[in-house]
Amino acid sequence: MENASARNMWGNYLNAHLEHAFEHAPSTTYFGDNEMDANRLADLTKQGVKKAISHSLLGIQNRNEKLPKIGDFIVVTNWSGEAQCIVRTTAVKLKPYFSIDVLYAQLAGEGDKSLDHWKKVHWDQYTTELQKFGREPRESMIIVCQEFEKVY
């Protein structure tokens, strides 16, 4: 882990949770694609309001990233890379965009937590993300719905 803030937070977590001493070092990331969103989403996660993050499968594939899996730890940072909290993945579901429901939108914890808000914000996000790869979002695109719990 290159991020000193995240490394320190992970060390503090391990001091209190020796049962996870042999886990792989967690990934370190911020949520969102700009400073305002990253800081807001980190704060919502830290408060325990945000309990899910949504990735486009096409984006993950085009970036050659691994799919998240249950049990993964993530150190969530703000835009500046300062560790805010640690979450652990509790569920990963692949769903077509059109099948995202209000319960999942509420878990995402953003805006007014409505499905309309979730769809608008994420459609815009996927449009920007996929343009880099010469692709565009579709109602049938697969979304990687990653649920998590704040553990530290």
N, C-alpha and C. Protein backbone atom coordinates (compact mmCIF):
# COMPACT_ATOMS: atom_id res chain seq x y z
N MET A 1 0.86 -1.18 0.00
CA MET A 1 0.00 0.00 0.00
C MET A 1 0.91 1.24 0.00
N GLU A 2 0.78 2.04 -1.04
CA GLU A 2 1.63 3.22 -1.18
C GLU A 2 1.15 4.41 -0.34
N ASN A 3 -0.12 4.46 -0.06
CA ASN A 3 -0.72 5.59 0.64
C ASN A 3 -0.45 5.47 2.14
N ALA A 4 0.35 6.40 2.71
CA ALA A 4 0.73 6.33 4.12
C ALA A 4 -0.49 6.45 5.03
N SER A 5 -1.42 7.31 4.69
CA SER A 5 -2.63 7.49 5.50
C SER A 5 -3.43 6.19 5.56
N ALA A 6 -3.60 5.54 4.40
CA ALA A 6 -4.33 4.28 4.34
C ALA A 6 -3.56 3.18 5.08
N ARG A 7 -2.25 3.14 4.90
CA ARG A 7 -1.43 2.14 5.57
C ARG A 7 -1.55 2.27 7.09
N ASN A 8 -1.53 3.50 7.58
CA ASN A 8 -1.67 3.73 9.03
C ASN A 8 -3.04 3.30 9.53
N MET A 9 -4.09 3.63 8.77
CA MET A 9 -5.43 3.23 9.19
C MET A 9 -5.56 1.71 9.19
N TRP A 10 -5.02 1.05 8.17
CA TRP A 10 -5.07 -0.40 8.10
C TRP A 10 -4.31 -1.01 9.28
N GLY A 11 -3.17 -0.45 9.62
CA GLY A 11 -2.40 -0.92 10.78
C GLY A 11 -3.19 -0.78 12.07
N ASN A 12 -3.85 0.33 12.24
CA ASN A 12 -4.69 0.54 13.43
C ASN A 12 -5.83 -0.46 13.47
N TYR A 13 -6.42 -0.73 12.31
CA TYR A 13 -7.50 -1.71 12.24
C TYR A 13 -6.98 -3.09 12.65
N LEU A 14 -5.84 -3.48 12.11
CA LEU A 14 -5.27 -4.80 12.43
C LEU A 14 -4.90 -4.93 13.89
N ASN A 15 -4.46 -3.84 14.50
CA ASN A 15 -4.15 -3.88 15.94
C ASN A 15 -5.38 -4.27 16.76
N ALA A 16 -6.54 -3.86 16.29
CA ALA A 16 -7.78 -4.16 17.01
C ALA A 16 -8.45 -5.44 16.50
N HIS A 17 -7.99 -5.96 15.35
CA HIS A 17 -8.63 -7.13 14.73
C HIS A 17 -7.56 -8.10 14.24
N LEU A 18 -6.88 -8.73 15.16
CA LEU A 18 -5.80 -9.65 14.81
C LEU A 18 -6.28 -10.81 13.94
N GLU A 19 -7.57 -11.11 13.99
CA GLU A 19 -8.10 -12.20 13.16
C GLU A 19 -7.95 -11.92 11.67
N HIS A 20 -7.69 -10.67 11.30
CA HIS A 20 -7.53 -10.32 9.88
C HIS A 20 -6.07 -10.05 9.52
N ALA A 21 -5.15 -10.45 10.40
CA ALA A 21 -3.73 -10.15 10.19
C ALA A 21 -3.17 -10.78 8.91
N PHE A 22 -3.77 -11.86 8.44
CA PHE A 22 -3.25 -12.52 7.25
C PHE A 22 -4.04 -12.20 5.99
N GLU A 23 -4.94 -11.22 6.08
CA GLU A 23 -5.69 -10.78 4.90
C GLU A 23 -4.75 -10.02 3.97
N HIS A 24 -5.08 -10.03 2.69
CA HIS A 24 -4.32 -9.21 1.74
C HIS A 24 -4.53 -7.74 2.10
N ALA A 25 -3.53 -6.93 1.84
CA ALA A 25 -3.68 -5.49 2.07
C ALA A 25 -4.87 -4.99 1.25
N PRO A 26 -5.67 -4.13 1.82
CA PRO A 26 -6.86 -3.66 1.10
C PRO A 26 -6.51 -2.73 -0.05
N SER A 27 -7.45 -2.60 -0.96
CA SER A 27 -7.30 -1.57 -1.99
C SER A 27 -7.58 -0.23 -1.32
N THR A 28 -7.10 0.81 -1.93
CA THR A 28 -7.31 2.17 -1.44
C THR A 28 -7.93 2.96 -2.57
N THR A 29 -9.07 3.60 -2.30
CA THR A 29 -9.72 4.33 -3.38
C THR A 29 -10.63 5.42 -2.82
N TYR A 30 -10.98 6.34 -3.69
CA TYR A 30 -12.06 7.29 -3.40
C TYR A 30 -13.20 6.92 -4.33
N PHE A 31 -14.41 7.29 -3.95
CA PHE A 31 -15.59 7.04 -4.78
C PHE A 31 -15.89 8.32 -5.54
N GLY A 32 -16.36 8.20 -6.75
CA GLY A 32 -16.69 9.36 -7.58
C GLY A 32 -15.53 9.69 -8.51
N ASP A 33 -15.76 10.69 -9.36
CA ASP A 33 -14.73 11.04 -10.34
C ASP A 33 -14.33 12.51 -10.30
N ASN A 34 -14.65 13.16 -9.17
CA ASN A 34 -14.23 14.56 -9.00
C ASN A 34 -14.12 14.84 -7.50
N GLU A 35 -13.47 15.93 -7.16
CA GLU A 35 -13.17 16.23 -5.76
C GLU A 35 -14.42 16.38 -4.90
N MET A 36 -15.40 17.12 -5.38
CA MET A 36 -16.61 17.35 -4.59
C MET A 36 -17.32 16.03 -4.29
N ASP A 37 -17.52 15.21 -5.31
CA ASP A 37 -18.20 13.92 -5.11
C ASP A 37 -17.38 12.99 -4.24
N ALA A 38 -16.07 12.92 -4.49
CA ALA A 38 -15.22 12.01 -3.71
C ALA A 38 -15.28 12.36 -2.22
N ASN A 39 -15.22 13.63 -1.89
CA ASN A 39 -15.25 14.03 -0.48
C ASN A 39 -16.63 13.78 0.14
N ARG A 40 -17.68 14.06 -0.63
CA ARG A 40 -19.04 13.85 -0.14
C ARG A 40 -19.32 12.36 0.07
N LEU A 41 -18.92 11.53 -0.90
CA LEU A 41 -19.17 10.10 -0.80
C LEU A 41 -18.33 9.45 0.30
N ALA A 42 -17.11 9.94 0.50
CA ALA A 42 -16.29 9.44 1.61
C ALA A 42 -16.97 9.76 2.94
N ASP A 43 -17.52 10.96 3.04
CA ASP A 43 -18.21 11.35 4.28
C ASP A 43 -19.46 10.50 4.50
N LEU A 44 -20.24 10.25 3.45
CA LEU A 44 -21.43 9.40 3.58
C LEU A 44 -21.05 7.98 3.98
N THR A 45 -19.95 7.49 3.45
CA THR A 45 -19.48 6.15 3.80
C THR A 45 -19.03 6.11 5.26
N LYS A 46 -18.29 7.12 5.65
CA LYS A 46 -17.79 7.21 7.03
C LYS A 46 -18.96 7.28 8.02
N GLN A 47 -20.04 7.95 7.64
CA GLN A 47 -21.22 8.06 8.50
C GLN A 47 -22.05 6.77 8.50
N GLY A 48 -21.75 5.85 7.61
CA GLY A 48 -22.52 4.61 7.51
C GLY A 48 -23.78 4.74 6.68
N VAL A 49 -23.92 5.85 5.97
CA VAL A 49 -25.10 6.08 5.13
C VAL A 49 -24.93 5.36 3.79
N LYS A 50 -23.75 5.48 3.20
CA LYS A 50 -23.44 4.84 1.92
C LYS A 50 -22.96 3.43 2.20
N LYS A 51 -23.67 2.46 1.62
CA LYS A 51 -23.37 1.05 1.86
C LYS A 51 -23.22 0.26 0.57
N ALA A 52 -23.09 0.96 -0.56
CA ALA A 52 -22.94 0.27 -1.84
C ALA A 52 -22.27 1.21 -2.84
N ILE A 53 -21.56 0.59 -3.76
CA ILE A 53 -20.94 1.30 -4.87
C ILE A 53 -21.23 0.51 -6.13
N SER A 54 -21.39 1.21 -7.24
CA SER A 54 -21.81 0.57 -8.49
C SER A 54 -20.79 0.81 -9.58
N HIS A 55 -20.32 -0.27 -10.18
CA HIS A 55 -19.33 -0.20 -11.25
C HIS A 55 -19.97 -0.71 -12.54
N SER A 56 -19.58 -0.15 -13.67
CA SER A 56 -20.00 -0.77 -14.93
C SER A 56 -19.03 -1.92 -15.22
N LEU A 57 -19.58 -3.05 -15.59
CA LEU A 57 -18.73 -4.20 -15.92
C LEU A 57 -17.80 -3.86 -17.09
N LEU A 58 -18.31 -3.12 -18.07
CA LEU A 58 -17.48 -2.72 -19.21
C LEU A 58 -16.28 -1.88 -18.76
N GLY A 59 -16.51 -0.99 -17.81
CA GLY A 59 -15.42 -0.16 -17.29
C GLY A 59 -14.36 -1.00 -16.60
N ILE A 60 -14.81 -1.94 -15.77
CA ILE A 60 -13.88 -2.83 -15.07
C ILE A 60 -13.06 -3.63 -16.09
N GLN A 61 -13.75 -4.16 -17.09
CA GLN A 61 -13.05 -4.96 -18.11
C GLN A 61 -12.06 -4.13 -18.91
N ASN A 62 -12.45 -2.93 -19.30
CA ASN A 62 -11.58 -2.08 -20.10
C ASN A 62 -10.37 -1.56 -19.31
N ARG A 63 -10.49 -1.48 -18.01
CA ARG A 63 -9.35 -1.07 -17.16
C ARG A 63 -8.54 -2.28 -16.68
N ASN A 64 -8.96 -3.48 -17.10
CA ASN A 64 -8.29 -4.72 -16.69
C ASN A 64 -8.23 -4.88 -15.17
N GLU A 65 -9.32 -4.52 -14.52
CA GLU A 65 -9.41 -4.67 -13.06
C GLU A 65 -10.10 -5.99 -12.73
N LYS A 66 -9.85 -6.45 -11.52
CA LYS A 66 -10.53 -7.65 -11.03
C LYS A 66 -11.90 -7.27 -10.49
N LEU A 67 -12.83 -8.21 -10.60
CA LEU A 67 -14.14 -7.99 -9.98
C LEU A 67 -13.98 -7.99 -8.47
N PRO A 68 -14.76 -7.16 -7.77
CA PRO A 68 -14.73 -7.22 -6.31
C PRO A 68 -15.29 -8.56 -5.84
N LYS A 69 -14.89 -8.97 -4.65
CA LYS A 69 -15.43 -10.21 -4.10
C LYS A 69 -15.77 -10.03 -2.63
N ILE A 70 -16.68 -10.87 -2.16
CA ILE A 70 -17.10 -10.82 -0.77
C ILE A 70 -15.87 -11.00 0.12
N GLY A 71 -15.76 -10.16 1.13
CA GLY A 71 -14.64 -10.22 2.05
C GLY A 71 -13.55 -9.22 1.76
N ASP A 72 -13.56 -8.62 0.56
CA ASP A 72 -12.55 -7.61 0.22
C ASP A 72 -12.65 -6.42 1.18
N PHE A 73 -11.50 -5.93 1.60
CA PHE A 73 -11.43 -4.69 2.38
C PHE A 73 -11.07 -3.55 1.45
N ILE A 74 -11.58 -2.36 1.74
CA ILE A 74 -11.25 -1.15 0.99
C ILE A 74 -11.02 -0.03 1.99
N VAL A 75 -9.91 0.66 1.85
CA VAL A 75 -9.71 1.89 2.61
C VAL A 75 -10.26 3.01 1.73
N VAL A 76 -11.32 3.65 2.21
CA VAL A 76 -11.96 4.73 1.46
C VAL A 76 -11.27 6.04 1.84
N THR A 77 -10.83 6.76 0.81
CA THR A 77 -10.16 8.04 1.04
C THR A 77 -11.00 9.19 0.50
N ASN A 78 -10.61 10.39 0.85
CA ASN A 78 -11.18 11.56 0.20
C ASN A 78 -10.35 11.82 -1.06
N TRP A 79 -10.66 12.86 -1.78
CA TRP A 79 -9.99 13.18 -3.04
C TRP A 79 -8.48 13.34 -2.85
N SER A 80 -8.09 13.88 -1.68
CA SER A 80 -6.67 14.13 -1.40
C SER A 80 -5.91 12.88 -0.99
N GLY A 81 -6.61 11.76 -0.86
CA GLY A 81 -5.96 10.51 -0.49
C GLY A 81 -5.87 10.26 0.99
N GLU A 82 -6.57 11.07 1.78
CA GLU A 82 -6.56 10.88 3.24
C GLU A 82 -7.59 9.83 3.60
N ALA A 83 -7.14 8.78 4.30
CA ALA A 83 -8.02 7.67 4.68
C ALA A 83 -9.15 8.18 5.56
N GLN A 84 -10.37 7.75 5.24
CA GLN A 84 -11.55 8.16 5.99
C GLN A 84 -12.18 7.02 6.77
N CYS A 85 -12.16 5.82 6.22
CA CYS A 85 -12.73 4.66 6.89
C CYS A 85 -12.34 3.40 6.13
N ILE A 86 -12.65 2.26 6.71
CA ILE A 86 -12.42 0.98 6.06
C ILE A 86 -13.77 0.28 5.94
N VAL A 87 -14.03 -0.26 4.76
CA VAL A 87 -15.26 -1.03 4.53
C VAL A 87 -14.86 -2.44 4.09
N ARG A 88 -15.81 -3.36 4.26
CA ARG A 88 -15.60 -4.75 3.82
C ARG A 88 -16.79 -5.17 2.97
N THR A 89 -16.51 -5.74 1.82
CA THR A 89 -17.54 -6.15 0.87
C THR A 89 -18.37 -7.30 1.45
N THR A 90 -19.69 -7.14 1.42
CA THR A 90 -20.60 -8.15 1.95
C THR A 90 -21.40 -8.85 0.85
N ALA A 91 -21.48 -8.23 -0.33
CA ALA A 91 -22.22 -8.84 -1.44
C ALA A 91 -21.74 -8.23 -2.74
N VAL A 92 -21.73 -9.04 -3.78
CA VAL A 92 -21.43 -8.58 -5.15
C VAL A 92 -22.46 -9.23 -6.06
N LYS A 93 -23.22 -8.39 -6.75
CA LYS A 93 -24.26 -8.90 -7.66
C LYS A 93 -24.09 -8.23 -9.02
N LEU A 94 -24.23 -9.01 -10.07
CA LEU A 94 -24.20 -8.47 -11.43
C LEU A 94 -25.64 -8.33 -11.90
N LYS A 95 -26.02 -7.10 -12.25
CA LYS A 95 -27.41 -6.84 -12.65
C LYS A 95 -27.43 -5.93 -13.87
N PRO A 96 -28.38 -6.15 -14.77
CA PRO A 96 -28.56 -5.17 -15.84
C PRO A 96 -28.99 -3.83 -15.24
N TYR A 97 -28.54 -2.75 -15.87
CA TYR A 97 -28.88 -1.41 -15.39
C TYR A 97 -30.39 -1.26 -15.18
N PHE A 98 -31.18 -1.77 -16.13
CA PHE A 98 -32.63 -1.59 -16.04
C PHE A 98 -33.25 -2.28 -14.83
N SER A 99 -32.54 -3.23 -14.22
CA SER A 99 -33.12 -3.97 -13.09
C SER A 99 -32.72 -3.42 -11.71
N ILE A 100 -31.94 -2.34 -11.69
CA ILE A 100 -31.59 -1.73 -10.41
C ILE A 100 -32.89 -1.25 -9.77
N ASP A 101 -33.05 -1.54 -8.48
CA ASP A 101 -34.30 -1.18 -7.81
C ASP A 101 -34.09 -0.15 -6.71
N VAL A 102 -35.19 0.30 -6.14
CA VAL A 102 -35.15 1.36 -5.14
C VAL A 102 -34.39 0.92 -3.88
N LEU A 103 -34.47 -0.34 -3.53
CA LEU A 103 -33.74 -0.82 -2.35
C LEU A 103 -32.24 -0.66 -2.53
N TYR A 104 -31.76 -0.96 -3.74
CA TYR A 104 -30.33 -0.80 -4.00
C TYR A 104 -29.96 0.69 -4.02
N ALA A 105 -30.81 1.51 -4.62
CA ALA A 105 -30.55 2.96 -4.65
C ALA A 105 -30.45 3.50 -3.23
N GLN A 106 -31.27 3.00 -2.33
CA GLN A 106 -31.21 3.43 -0.93
C GLN A 106 -29.89 3.01 -0.28
N LEU A 107 -29.42 1.81 -0.59
CA LEU A 107 -28.12 1.36 -0.06
C LEU A 107 -26.99 2.26 -0.54
N ALA A 108 -27.08 2.72 -1.78
CA ALA A 108 -26.05 3.60 -2.33
C ALA A 108 -25.97 4.89 -1.53
N GLY A 109 -27.09 5.31 -0.92
CA GLY A 109 -27.10 6.42 0.03
C GLY A 109 -26.84 7.80 -0.52
N GLU A 110 -27.03 8.00 -1.81
CA GLU A 110 -26.71 9.29 -2.41
C GLU A 110 -27.96 10.12 -2.67
N GLY A 111 -27.78 11.43 -2.66
CA GLY A 111 -28.87 12.34 -2.96
C GLY A 111 -30.07 12.09 -2.07
N ASP A 112 -31.26 12.00 -2.67
CA ASP A 112 -32.48 11.74 -1.89
C ASP A 112 -32.74 10.24 -1.76
N LYS A 113 -31.78 9.42 -2.18
CA LYS A 113 -31.83 7.95 -2.10
C LYS A 113 -32.91 7.35 -2.99
N SER A 114 -33.41 8.12 -3.93
CA SER A 114 -34.45 7.61 -4.82
C SER A 114 -33.82 6.88 -6.00
N LEU A 115 -34.61 6.02 -6.62
CA LEU A 115 -34.16 5.32 -7.81
C LEU A 115 -33.91 6.30 -8.95
N ASP A 116 -34.78 7.31 -9.08
CA ASP A 116 -34.60 8.31 -10.14
C ASP A 116 -33.26 9.02 -10.00
N HIS A 117 -32.92 9.41 -8.78
CA HIS A 117 -31.63 10.07 -8.54
C HIS A 117 -30.48 9.13 -8.90
N TRP A 118 -30.54 7.89 -8.41
CA TRP A 118 -29.48 6.92 -8.67
C TRP A 118 -29.28 6.76 -10.19
N LYS A 119 -30.39 6.57 -10.92
CA LYS A 119 -30.30 6.33 -12.37
C LYS A 119 -29.72 7.53 -13.10
N LYS A 120 -30.13 8.72 -12.74
CA LYS A 120 -29.62 9.94 -13.41
C LYS A 120 -28.12 10.09 -13.17
N VAL A 121 -27.70 10.04 -11.91
CA VAL A 121 -26.29 10.25 -11.57
C VAL A 121 -25.42 9.17 -12.18
N HIS A 122 -25.86 7.92 -12.10
CA HIS A 122 -25.03 6.83 -12.60
C HIS A 122 -25.02 6.77 -14.13
N TRP A 123 -26.12 7.10 -14.78
CA TRP A 123 -26.11 7.13 -16.24
C TRP A 123 -25.07 8.15 -16.72
N ASP A 124 -25.07 9.33 -16.09
CA ASP A 124 -24.08 10.35 -16.45
C ASP A 124 -22.66 9.84 -16.19
N GLN A 125 -22.46 9.19 -15.07
CA GLN A 125 -21.14 8.65 -14.71
C GLN A 125 -20.69 7.60 -15.72
N TYR A 126 -21.58 6.67 -16.07
CA TYR A 126 -21.21 5.62 -17.02
C TYR A 126 -20.98 6.19 -18.42
N THR A 127 -21.72 7.22 -18.79
CA THR A 127 -21.52 7.86 -20.08
C THR A 127 -20.10 8.41 -20.18
N THR A 128 -19.69 9.15 -19.16
CA THR A 128 -18.33 9.72 -19.13
C THR A 128 -17.28 8.62 -19.11
N GLU A 129 -17.48 7.62 -18.27
CA GLU A 129 -16.52 6.54 -18.13
C GLU A 129 -16.34 5.77 -19.44
N LEU A 130 -17.44 5.39 -20.07
CA LEU A 130 -17.38 4.53 -21.24
C LEU A 130 -16.93 5.25 -22.51
N GLN A 131 -17.12 6.58 -22.56
CA GLN A 131 -16.66 7.35 -23.72
C GLN A 131 -15.16 7.16 -23.93
N LYS A 132 -14.41 7.01 -22.85
CA LYS A 132 -12.96 6.83 -22.94
C LYS A 132 -12.60 5.56 -23.71
N PHE A 133 -13.52 4.62 -23.74
CA PHE A 133 -13.27 3.34 -24.41
C PHE A 133 -14.06 3.20 -25.72
N GLY A 134 -14.63 4.32 -26.17
CA GLY A 134 -15.40 4.29 -27.41
C GLY A 134 -16.72 3.55 -27.27
N ARG A 135 -17.25 3.51 -26.08
CA ARG A 135 -18.51 2.80 -25.81
C ARG A 135 -19.53 3.79 -25.25
N GLU A 136 -20.76 3.36 -25.19
CA GLU A 136 -21.81 4.18 -24.57
C GLU A 136 -22.70 3.28 -23.72
N PRO A 137 -23.29 3.85 -22.68
CA PRO A 137 -24.13 3.03 -21.81
C PRO A 137 -25.41 2.59 -22.51
N ARG A 138 -25.94 1.48 -22.04
CA ARG A 138 -27.21 0.95 -22.54
C ARG A 138 -28.02 0.48 -21.33
N GLU A 139 -29.31 0.43 -21.49
CA GLU A 139 -30.19 -0.06 -20.42
C GLU A 139 -29.85 -1.49 -20.02
N SER A 140 -29.30 -2.26 -20.97
CA SER A 140 -28.99 -3.67 -20.71
C SER A 140 -27.56 -3.90 -20.19
N MET A 141 -26.77 -2.82 -20.06
CA MET A 141 -25.39 -3.01 -19.60
C MET A 141 -25.38 -3.61 -18.19
N ILE A 142 -24.34 -4.36 -17.92
CA ILE A 142 -24.24 -5.02 -16.62
C ILE A 142 -23.56 -4.09 -15.62
N ILE A 143 -24.19 -3.98 -14.46
CA ILE A 143 -23.68 -3.18 -13.35
C ILE A 143 -23.20 -4.13 -12.26
N VAL A 144 -22.01 -3.87 -11.75
CA VAL A 144 -21.47 -4.65 -10.64
C VAL A 144 -21.88 -3.90 -9.36
N CYS A 145 -22.84 -4.49 -8.66
CA CYS A 145 -23.40 -3.88 -7.44
C CYS A 145 -22.64 -4.44 -6.24
N GLN A 146 -21.80 -3.61 -5.67
CA GLN A 146 -20.94 -4.01 -4.56
C GLN A 146 -21.48 -3.40 -3.27
N GLU A 147 -21.94 -4.26 -2.36
CA GLU A 147 -22.43 -3.82 -1.06
C GLU A 147 -21.34 -4.02 -0.02
N PHE A 148 -21.32 -3.15 0.97
CA PHE A 148 -20.28 -3.24 1.98
C PHE A 148 -20.78 -2.74 3.33
N GLU A 149 -19.99 -3.05 4.36
CA GLU A 149 -20.28 -2.51 5.70
C GLU A 149 -19.04 -1.78 6.17
N LYS A 150 -19.24 -0.69 6.88
CA LYS A 150 -18.12 0.03 7.46
C LYS A 150 -17.62 -0.78 8.65
N VAL A 151 -16.33 -1.08 8.67
CA VAL A 151 -15.77 -1.86 9.78
C VAL A 151 -14.81 -1.04 10.63
N TYR A 152 -14.39 0.13 10.14
CA TYR A 152 -13.46 0.96 10.92
C TYR A 152 -13.52 2.39 10.43
